[in-house]
Amino acid sequence: MKRRVVVTGIGALTPIGLTVEGLWEGLHARRSAVTTVSRFDPSPFRSHLAAEVRDFTVLDHLEQKRARRLDRYGQFAVVAARMALADAAVRLEAEDRDRVGTMMGTALGGVGYAEEQLGNYLTGGLRAVDATLALAVFGGAASCNIAIELGAHGPNSTNAMSCASGTIAIGEGFRQVRDGYADVMVCGGAEAPLAPLCFGAFALIRAMSTRNDDPTRASRPFDRDRDGFVMGEGAAILVLEERDRAIARGARIYAEMLGFGMTNDAHHMTAPRPDGLQAARAMRLALADGGVTADEIDYVNAHGSATPLNDPTESLAIRQVFGERTAKLPVSGTKGYHGHALGASGAFEAAVCALALDRGWVPPTVNLEVPDAACDLQHVPPEGRALTAQRVISNSFGFGGINAALVMGKG
């Protein structure tokens, strides 16, 4: 018998807020965190924009020796996990650590740090390279460092399925609890890609916005004048628990995880399949997995990357799944707020959905001024919308044609 799974904790390090309450306040502020890149000189590139996590001081969260052993990617992951456990009020000393696990997602892992260390190597040789590099560069550093931090011996994995990886990590963590392999899963996404070569690689394929003279209006999901995504960074982590034990310990429940679906376009490394069929199938699989019909969904949190190809294709897929209801079904994407943090984005958005279910309000699509005719959806108005949603779906799509969707319900 499949077990019910609930969200009892959220840890957030995002460009619009550094805690769960900071994230919620950032959504209500209804403004973009995008600025000109400050981490390095972006002038050699077509795009000069990013959504940076500012005011993050790792020593406020970790002791110095521990912090020095982690790159920014690892720091984001460990700190967000600690925040999530504290928010959930999980007492690890009272847990069977064999049944506590972690699943994470990232597109690039520690590559940004590796880029920095390569520079050290080229100027100073091997002696100039930080000895932690070999342990920081691989994607699995996120889930493994979290496991070490928590003493968690349960299921552990970090996937690298591009911009859908955070969503996939939460979906796989959900399955571990639902199917009885774990009682508590700490899962989400982390990304720290803001380094010149990583950034430049995306600029090279013309995927990012060049609205350099107007940063806060650069990320424009579903807008007629969108011209690409804006790179972001950060981490978001959810604590998932078996529902009965969460209730028994008096936990606050944000939302219930209901279903997860994943497909692949098998079409192109960067362009989505034009007919949207596999994106739509991922949504349908998530609905079927949760025993939810399309008519029962009250809100769609869209991937909404603000790229010319993704937004109309996602709109087409949404119309395929929801049919005539699409005209009345509220849809928004939050990347106009926090940019596109690659593998962490789906985790940001899952956290937003959990908060929306708990607090009865869904955010708008920041910077959506003139909707593209090919994106004819029921867009949430600029002030957001009070909505007592019972069930929502969150979409994530990534390079390589990966499609993933989560269905969540009111806790």
Protein backbone atom coordinates (compact mmCIF):
# COMPACT_ATOMS: atom_id res chain seq x y z
CA MET A 1 0.00 0.00 0.00
CA LYS A 2 1.45 3.36 -1.01
CA ARG A 3 2.01 5.82 1.81
CA ARG A 4 0.96 9.48 1.80
CA VAL A 5 3.78 12.03 1.71
CA VAL A 6 3.74 15.61 2.98
CA VAL A 7 6.01 18.65 2.94
CA THR A 8 6.90 19.68 6.49
CA GLY A 9 9.92 21.92 5.96
CA ILE A 10 11.34 24.37 3.42
CA GLY A 11 14.85 25.78 3.17
CA ALA A 12 15.40 28.60 0.69
CA LEU A 13 18.45 30.52 -0.48
CA THR A 14 17.14 32.47 -3.47
CA PRO A 15 17.80 35.84 -5.11
CA ILE A 16 14.50 37.14 -3.69
CA GLY A 17 14.84 35.76 -0.16
CA LEU A 18 17.21 33.79 2.05
CA THR A 19 14.67 31.93 4.19
CA VAL A 20 11.23 30.47 3.64
CA GLU A 21 9.68 33.69 4.92
CA GLY A 22 12.12 35.73 2.84
CA LEU A 23 11.04 33.80 -0.25
CA TRP A 24 7.36 34.47 0.54
CA GLU A 25 8.00 38.16 1.16
CA GLY A 26 10.01 38.34 -2.07
CA LEU A 27 7.08 36.92 -4.01
CA HIS A 28 4.71 39.48 -2.51
CA ALA A 29 7.14 42.30 -3.39
CA ARG A 30 6.42 41.44 -7.05
CA ARG A 31 9.75 42.66 -8.37
CA SER A 32 12.71 41.12 -10.09
CA ALA A 33 16.05 40.39 -8.44
CA VAL A 34 17.92 40.59 -11.75
CA THR A 35 20.86 43.02 -11.89
CA THR A 36 24.11 43.43 -13.79
CA VAL A 37 26.51 40.64 -12.82
CA SER A 38 28.76 41.67 -9.93
CA ARG A 39 30.68 38.39 -9.47
CA PHE A 40 32.88 38.97 -12.53
CA ASP A 41 33.22 41.35 -15.47
CA PRO A 42 30.45 40.39 -17.95
CA SER A 43 31.48 42.88 -20.64
CA PRO A 44 32.97 40.25 -23.00
CA PHE A 45 29.57 38.58 -23.31
CA ARG A 46 26.32 39.40 -25.08
CA SER A 47 24.43 39.19 -21.79
CA HIS A 48 25.51 41.08 -18.68
CA LEU A 49 22.67 39.98 -16.39
CA ALA A 50 22.11 37.56 -13.54
CA ALA A 51 19.97 36.97 -10.47
CA GLU A 52 22.54 36.67 -7.69
CA VAL A 53 22.04 35.48 -4.12
CA ARG A 54 23.14 38.53 -2.19
CA ASP A 55 23.75 39.01 1.53
CA PHE A 56 24.59 35.33 1.98
CA THR A 57 27.37 34.95 4.54
CA VAL A 58 28.18 31.29 4.98
CA LEU A 59 29.80 31.84 8.39
CA ASP A 60 26.40 32.91 9.69
CA HIS A 61 25.35 29.30 9.15
CA LEU A 62 28.43 27.05 9.26
CA GLU A 63 31.56 27.05 11.38
CA GLN A 64 34.67 28.14 9.50
CA LYS A 65 36.36 24.77 9.15
CA ARG A 66 33.22 23.20 7.69
CA ALA A 67 32.56 26.14 5.37
CA ARG A 68 36.11 26.04 3.96
CA ARG A 69 35.64 22.45 2.85
CA LEU A 70 32.69 23.39 0.67
CA ASP A 71 32.49 25.47 -2.49
CA ARG A 72 29.55 27.83 -3.00
CA TYR A 73 27.46 25.03 -4.52
CA GLY A 74 28.07 22.78 -1.53
CA GLN A 75 27.48 25.64 0.89
CA PHE A 76 24.13 26.43 -0.68
CA ALA A 77 23.09 22.77 -0.43
CA VAL A 78 24.14 22.18 3.17
CA VAL A 79 22.81 25.47 4.51
CA ALA A 80 19.44 25.10 2.74
CA ALA A 81 19.15 21.54 4.08
CA ARG A 82 19.82 22.72 7.63
CA MET A 83 17.21 25.45 7.18
CA ALA A 84 14.67 22.94 5.91
CA LEU A 85 15.23 20.54 8.83
CA ALA A 86 14.95 23.40 11.31
CA ASP A 87 11.74 24.59 9.65
CA ALA A 88 10.34 21.07 9.85
CA ALA A 89 11.40 20.78 13.51
CA VAL A 90 12.77 17.30 12.78
CA ARG A 91 14.87 16.05 15.71
CA LEU A 92 17.49 13.90 13.99
CA GLU A 93 18.65 12.41 17.27
CA ALA A 94 15.21 10.84 17.59
CA GLU A 95 15.20 9.45 14.04
CA ASP A 96 16.33 6.14 12.61
CA ARG A 97 19.07 7.64 10.43
CA ASP A 98 18.93 4.59 8.15
CA ARG A 99 15.52 5.85 7.05
CA VAL A 100 16.53 9.47 6.46
CA GLY A 101 17.84 10.21 2.97
CA THR A 102 18.57 13.00 0.55
CA MET A 103 17.98 13.55 -3.16
CA MET A 104 19.36 16.61 -4.94
CA GLY A 105 19.42 18.03 -8.45
CA THR A 106 21.89 20.30 -10.23
CA ALA A 107 22.76 21.11 -13.81
CA LEU A 108 26.41 22.02 -13.27
CA GLY A 109 27.34 21.06 -9.72
CA GLY A 110 30.76 22.40 -8.73
CA VAL A 111 31.82 23.38 -12.24
CA GLY A 112 31.90 27.09 -11.36
CA TYR A 113 34.37 26.36 -8.57
CA ALA A 114 36.42 24.14 -10.86
CA GLU A 115 36.65 27.04 -13.30
CA GLU A 116 38.07 29.25 -10.55
CA GLN A 117 40.60 26.61 -9.55
CA LEU A 118 41.66 26.08 -13.16
CA GLY A 119 42.64 29.73 -13.21
CA ASN A 120 44.75 29.14 -10.10
CA TYR A 121 46.39 26.14 -11.76
CA LEU A 122 47.25 28.03 -14.93
CA THR A 123 48.91 30.86 -12.99
CA GLY A 124 50.44 29.00 -10.05
CA GLY A 125 50.55 25.31 -10.88
CA LEU A 126 49.11 22.47 -8.84
CA ARG A 127 50.25 23.94 -5.54
CA ALA A 128 47.87 26.85 -6.11
CA VAL A 129 44.84 24.55 -6.41
CA ASP A 130 42.59 24.07 -3.38
CA ALA A 131 42.84 20.51 -2.11
CA THR A 132 39.05 20.34 -1.78
CA LEU A 133 38.56 20.60 -5.57
CA ALA A 134 38.40 16.85 -6.19
CA LEU A 135 35.66 16.54 -3.57
CA ALA A 136 33.68 19.61 -4.62
CA VAL A 137 33.50 19.44 -8.39
CA PHE A 138 31.16 16.46 -8.82
CA GLY A 139 27.42 16.93 -8.70
CA GLY A 140 26.95 14.36 -5.94
CA ALA A 141 28.78 16.65 -3.53
CA ALA A 142 25.39 18.21 -2.71
CA SER A 143 23.55 15.12 -1.49
CA CYS A 144 26.68 13.54 0.01
CA ASN A 145 27.62 16.62 2.03
CA ILE A 146 24.03 16.92 3.23
CA ALA A 147 24.11 13.27 4.29
CA ILE A 148 27.36 13.83 6.20
CA GLU A 149 25.93 16.94 7.83
CA LEU A 150 22.79 15.08 8.94
CA GLY A 151 24.25 11.65 9.56
CA ALA A 152 21.64 10.36 7.11
CA HIS A 153 22.28 6.81 5.89
CA GLY A 154 19.18 6.43 3.73
CA PRO A 155 18.71 6.75 -0.06
CA ASN A 156 21.11 9.28 -1.54
CA SER A 157 21.54 10.61 -5.06
CA THR A 158 22.14 13.80 -7.04
CA ASN A 159 20.85 13.87 -10.60
CA ALA A 160 22.17 16.22 -13.27
CA MET A 161 19.19 16.42 -15.61
CA SER A 162 19.73 20.06 -16.52
CA CYS A 163 16.94 22.49 -15.68
CA ALA A 164 14.54 19.75 -14.55
CA SER A 165 16.89 18.22 -12.00
CA GLY A 166 15.50 19.88 -8.86
CA THR A 167 12.01 18.73 -9.76
CA ILE A 168 13.25 15.22 -10.48
CA ALA A 169 15.06 15.10 -7.12
CA ILE A 170 11.85 16.00 -5.29
CA GLY A 171 9.88 13.49 -7.36
CA GLU A 172 12.35 10.71 -6.62
CA GLY A 173 12.44 11.66 -2.93
CA PHE A 174 8.65 11.52 -2.88
CA ARG A 175 8.75 7.99 -4.29
CA GLN A 176 11.27 6.85 -1.66
CA VAL A 177 8.90 7.84 1.15
CA ARG A 178 5.70 6.78 -0.62
CA ASP A 179 7.07 3.32 -1.42
CA GLY A 180 8.45 2.71 2.08
CA TYR A 181 12.19 3.00 1.52
CA ALA A 182 12.52 6.06 3.78
CA ASP A 183 10.52 7.98 6.37
CA VAL A 184 12.16 11.37 5.81
CA MET A 185 13.71 12.69 2.59
CA VAL A 186 15.58 15.98 2.32
CA CYS A 187 15.41 16.90 -1.35
CA GLY A 188 15.65 19.80 -3.80
CA GLY A 189 18.16 21.57 -5.99
CA ALA A 190 21.29 23.70 -5.73
CA GLU A 191 23.21 25.68 -8.34
CA ALA A 192 26.20 28.06 -8.35
CA PRO A 193 26.92 28.67 -12.05
CA LEU A 194 27.92 32.34 -12.00
CA ALA A 195 31.48 32.05 -13.29
CA PRO A 196 32.76 33.47 -16.59
CA LEU A 197 33.14 30.25 -18.59
CA CYS A 198 29.86 28.71 -17.38
CA PHE A 199 28.04 31.98 -18.00
CA GLY A 200 29.77 32.53 -21.35
CA ALA A 201 28.83 29.06 -22.59
CA PHE A 202 25.14 29.95 -22.37
CA ALA A 203 25.77 33.37 -23.88
CA LEU A 204 27.54 31.63 -26.76
CA ILE A 205 24.42 29.68 -27.73
CA ARG A 206 22.31 32.87 -27.48
CA ALA A 207 20.06 31.42 -24.80
CA MET A 208 20.17 34.41 -22.44
CA SER A 209 18.52 37.82 -22.48
CA THR A 210 20.53 40.77 -23.78
CA ARG A 211 18.28 43.43 -22.28
CA ASN A 212 21.37 44.76 -20.53
CA ASP A 213 20.12 48.33 -20.15
CA ASP A 214 16.97 47.24 -18.30
CA PRO A 215 17.93 44.37 -15.93
CA THR A 216 14.80 44.17 -13.80
CA ARG A 217 12.62 43.79 -16.90
CA ALA A 218 14.90 41.33 -18.70
CA SER A 219 13.35 38.02 -17.62
CA ARG A 220 9.91 38.05 -19.29
CA PRO A 221 8.19 34.65 -19.29
CA PHE A 222 5.39 34.39 -21.87
CA ASP A 223 5.83 38.02 -22.94
CA ARG A 224 5.81 38.99 -26.60
CA ASP A 225 9.18 40.73 -26.19
CA ARG A 226 11.06 38.02 -24.28
CA ASP A 227 14.54 37.33 -25.61
CA GLY A 228 15.96 34.59 -23.40
CA PHE A 229 16.46 33.52 -19.81
CA VAL A 230 18.48 35.21 -17.10
CA MET A 231 20.88 32.96 -15.20
CA GLY A 232 20.39 32.66 -11.44
CA GLU A 233 21.80 30.73 -8.51
CA GLY A 234 20.79 29.39 -5.11
CA ALA A 235 19.13 26.41 -3.47
CA ALA A 236 15.74 25.27 -2.27
CA ILE A 237 15.14 22.11 -0.27
CA LEU A 238 11.97 20.42 0.96
CA VAL A 239 11.59 17.98 3.83
CA LEU A 240 9.24 15.18 2.81
CA GLU A 241 7.75 12.86 5.41
CA GLU A 242 5.26 10.04 5.66
CA ARG A 243 2.01 11.78 6.56
CA ASP A 244 0.93 9.72 9.61
CA ARG A 245 4.25 10.14 11.39
CA ALA A 246 4.27 13.87 10.58
CA ILE A 247 0.81 14.24 12.13
CA ALA A 248 1.81 12.12 15.12
CA ARG A 249 4.72 14.40 15.96
CA GLY A 250 2.58 17.53 15.51
CA ALA A 251 4.40 18.78 12.43
CA ARG A 252 3.18 21.77 10.44
CA ILE A 253 2.22 20.51 6.98
CA TYR A 254 2.62 22.86 4.01
CA ALA A 255 1.31 20.55 1.32
CA GLU A 256 0.91 16.96 0.25
CA MET A 257 2.97 15.45 -2.57
CA LEU A 258 0.63 13.57 -4.86
CA GLY A 259 2.29 12.64 -8.14
CA PHE A 260 5.41 12.80 -10.29
CA GLY A 261 5.89 12.30 -14.02
CA MET A 262 8.93 12.39 -16.28
CA THR A 263 9.45 11.93 -20.04
CA ASN A 264 11.97 12.81 -22.73
CA ASP A 265 11.37 14.53 -26.07
CA ALA A 266 14.20 12.56 -27.74
CA HIS A 267 14.22 15.41 -30.23
CA HIS A 268 17.04 17.95 -29.75
CA MET A 269 19.58 18.98 -27.11
CA THR A 270 18.31 22.56 -26.75
CA ALA A 271 15.02 22.92 -28.63
CA PRO A 272 11.80 21.45 -27.21
CA ARG A 273 9.76 19.09 -29.34
CA PRO A 274 7.49 21.51 -31.26
CA ASP A 275 4.25 19.58 -30.76
CA GLY A 276 4.64 19.53 -26.96
CA LEU A 277 3.47 15.92 -26.80
CA GLN A 278 6.07 14.64 -24.35
CA ALA A 279 5.82 17.71 -22.13
CA ALA A 280 2.08 17.10 -21.99
CA ARG A 281 2.65 13.40 -21.27
CA ALA A 282 4.87 14.26 -18.28
CA MET A 283 2.00 16.28 -16.84
CA ARG A 284 -0.48 13.48 -17.53
CA LEU A 285 1.83 10.92 -15.88
CA ALA A 286 2.11 13.10 -12.78
CA LEU A 287 -1.67 13.45 -12.63
CA ALA A 288 -2.19 9.70 -13.05
CA ASP A 289 0.49 8.95 -10.45
CA GLY A 290 -1.42 11.07 -7.95
CA GLY A 291 -4.88 9.82 -8.91
CA VAL A 292 -5.80 13.37 -9.91
CA THR A 293 -7.77 14.41 -12.98
CA ALA A 294 -6.92 17.45 -15.07
CA ASP A 295 -10.23 18.99 -13.97
CA GLU A 296 -9.06 18.94 -10.34
CA ILE A 297 -6.01 21.17 -10.90
CA ASP A 298 -6.50 24.74 -9.64
CA TYR A 299 -3.17 26.32 -10.67
CA VAL A 300 -0.22 25.65 -12.97
CA ASN A 301 3.25 26.79 -11.97
CA ALA A 302 4.91 26.95 -15.37
CA HIS A 303 8.53 26.37 -16.26
CA GLY A 304 8.27 29.68 -18.14
CA SER A 305 11.94 30.10 -19.02
CA ALA A 306 11.32 33.25 -21.14
CA THR A 307 13.05 31.71 -24.14
CA PRO A 308 11.48 32.14 -27.57
CA LEU A 309 10.86 28.40 -28.08
CA ASN A 310 10.03 27.09 -24.61
CA ASP A 311 7.16 29.37 -23.64
CA PRO A 312 4.85 28.72 -26.62
CA THR A 313 5.66 25.00 -26.55
CA GLU A 314 4.80 24.79 -22.85
CA SER A 315 1.61 26.74 -23.53
CA LEU A 316 0.68 24.23 -26.22
CA ALA A 317 1.36 21.33 -23.84
CA ILE A 318 -0.79 22.91 -21.12
CA ARG A 319 -3.66 23.32 -23.60
CA GLN A 320 -3.33 19.66 -24.61
CA VAL A 321 -3.64 18.50 -21.01
CA PHE A 322 -6.34 20.86 -19.76
CA GLY A 323 -8.37 21.43 -22.91
CA GLU A 324 -11.21 23.94 -22.56
CA ARG A 325 -10.35 24.54 -18.90
CA THR A 326 -7.14 26.27 -20.00
CA ALA A 327 -9.13 29.45 -20.61
CA LYS A 328 -9.92 29.69 -16.88
CA LEU A 329 -6.97 27.90 -15.27
CA PRO A 330 -4.55 30.30 -13.50
CA VAL A 331 -0.97 29.98 -14.76
CA SER A 332 2.19 31.81 -13.75
CA GLY A 333 5.94 31.38 -13.90
CA THR A 334 8.26 32.87 -11.29
CA LYS A 335 11.55 33.13 -13.18
CA GLY A 336 10.85 36.83 -13.74
CA TYR A 337 11.43 37.16 -9.99
CA HIS A 338 14.46 34.97 -9.39
CA GLY A 339 15.92 34.25 -12.81
CA HIS A 340 16.67 30.73 -13.97
CA ALA A 341 18.84 28.93 -11.43
CA LEU A 342 19.13 25.95 -13.78
CA GLY A 343 18.90 22.76 -11.67
CA ALA A 344 17.65 24.64 -8.61
CA SER A 345 14.75 26.33 -10.40
CA GLY A 346 12.31 23.44 -10.14
CA ALA A 347 13.00 23.25 -6.41
CA PHE A 348 12.40 27.01 -6.05
CA GLU A 349 9.08 26.53 -7.82
CA ALA A 350 8.06 23.48 -5.79
CA ALA A 351 8.65 25.55 -2.65
CA VAL A 352 6.49 28.32 -4.13
CA CYS A 353 3.71 25.81 -4.81
CA ALA A 354 3.86 24.43 -1.27
CA LEU A 355 3.60 27.96 0.13
CA ALA A 356 0.77 28.84 -2.26
CA LEU A 357 -1.22 25.82 -1.11
CA ASP A 358 -0.57 26.63 2.53
CA ARG A 359 -1.26 30.37 2.34
CA GLY A 360 -3.90 30.74 -0.36
CA TRP A 361 -2.15 33.07 -2.80
CA VAL A 362 -0.44 32.48 -6.15
CA PRO A 363 2.17 34.86 -7.57
CA PRO A 364 2.04 36.64 -10.93
CA THR A 365 4.46 36.31 -13.82
CA VAL A 366 6.71 39.31 -13.20
CA ASN A 367 7.37 41.40 -16.35
CA LEU A 368 4.54 39.88 -18.34
CA GLU A 369 3.22 43.02 -20.05
CA VAL A 370 1.98 41.91 -23.48
CA PRO A 371 1.37 38.13 -23.61
CA ASP A 372 2.61 36.44 -26.76
CA ALA A 373 -0.33 35.33 -28.90
CA ALA A 374 1.22 31.84 -28.89
CA CYS A 375 1.06 31.82 -25.08
CA ASP A 376 -2.71 32.22 -24.74
CA LEU A 377 -3.11 31.11 -21.14
CA GLN A 378 -5.05 32.49 -18.17
CA HIS A 379 -2.11 34.43 -16.71
CA VAL A 380 -2.28 35.40 -13.03
CA PRO A 381 -2.72 39.20 -12.85
CA PRO A 382 0.23 41.45 -11.85
CA GLU A 383 -0.92 41.81 -8.23
CA GLY A 384 -1.06 38.02 -7.77
CA ARG A 385 -4.25 36.19 -6.91
CA ALA A 386 -5.89 34.92 -3.75
CA LEU A 387 -6.67 31.29 -4.50
CA THR A 388 -7.73 28.55 -2.15
CA ALA A 389 -6.14 25.90 -4.31
CA GLN A 390 -6.63 22.22 -3.54
CA ARG A 391 -4.28 20.81 -6.16
CA VAL A 392 -1.54 22.35 -8.29
CA ILE A 393 0.99 21.18 -10.86
CA SER A 394 4.54 22.44 -11.34
CA ASN A 395 6.44 21.95 -14.62
CA SER A 396 10.16 21.80 -15.37
CA PHE A 397 11.81 21.26 -18.74
CA GLY A 398 15.50 21.02 -19.54
CA PHE A 399 18.21 20.64 -22.15
CA GLY A 400 18.27 17.19 -23.68
CA GLY A 401 14.47 17.17 -23.91
CA ILE A 402 13.82 16.23 -20.29
CA ASN A 403 10.30 16.97 -19.01
CA ALA A 404 9.19 16.65 -15.39
CA ALA A 405 6.07 17.57 -13.43
CA LEU A 406 4.97 17.43 -9.81
CA VAL A 407 1.38 17.40 -8.56
CA MET A 408 0.84 18.74 -5.06
CA GLY A 409 -2.25 19.08 -2.90
CA LYS A 410 -3.36 21.07 0.10
CA GLY A 411 -1.94 19.61 3.31
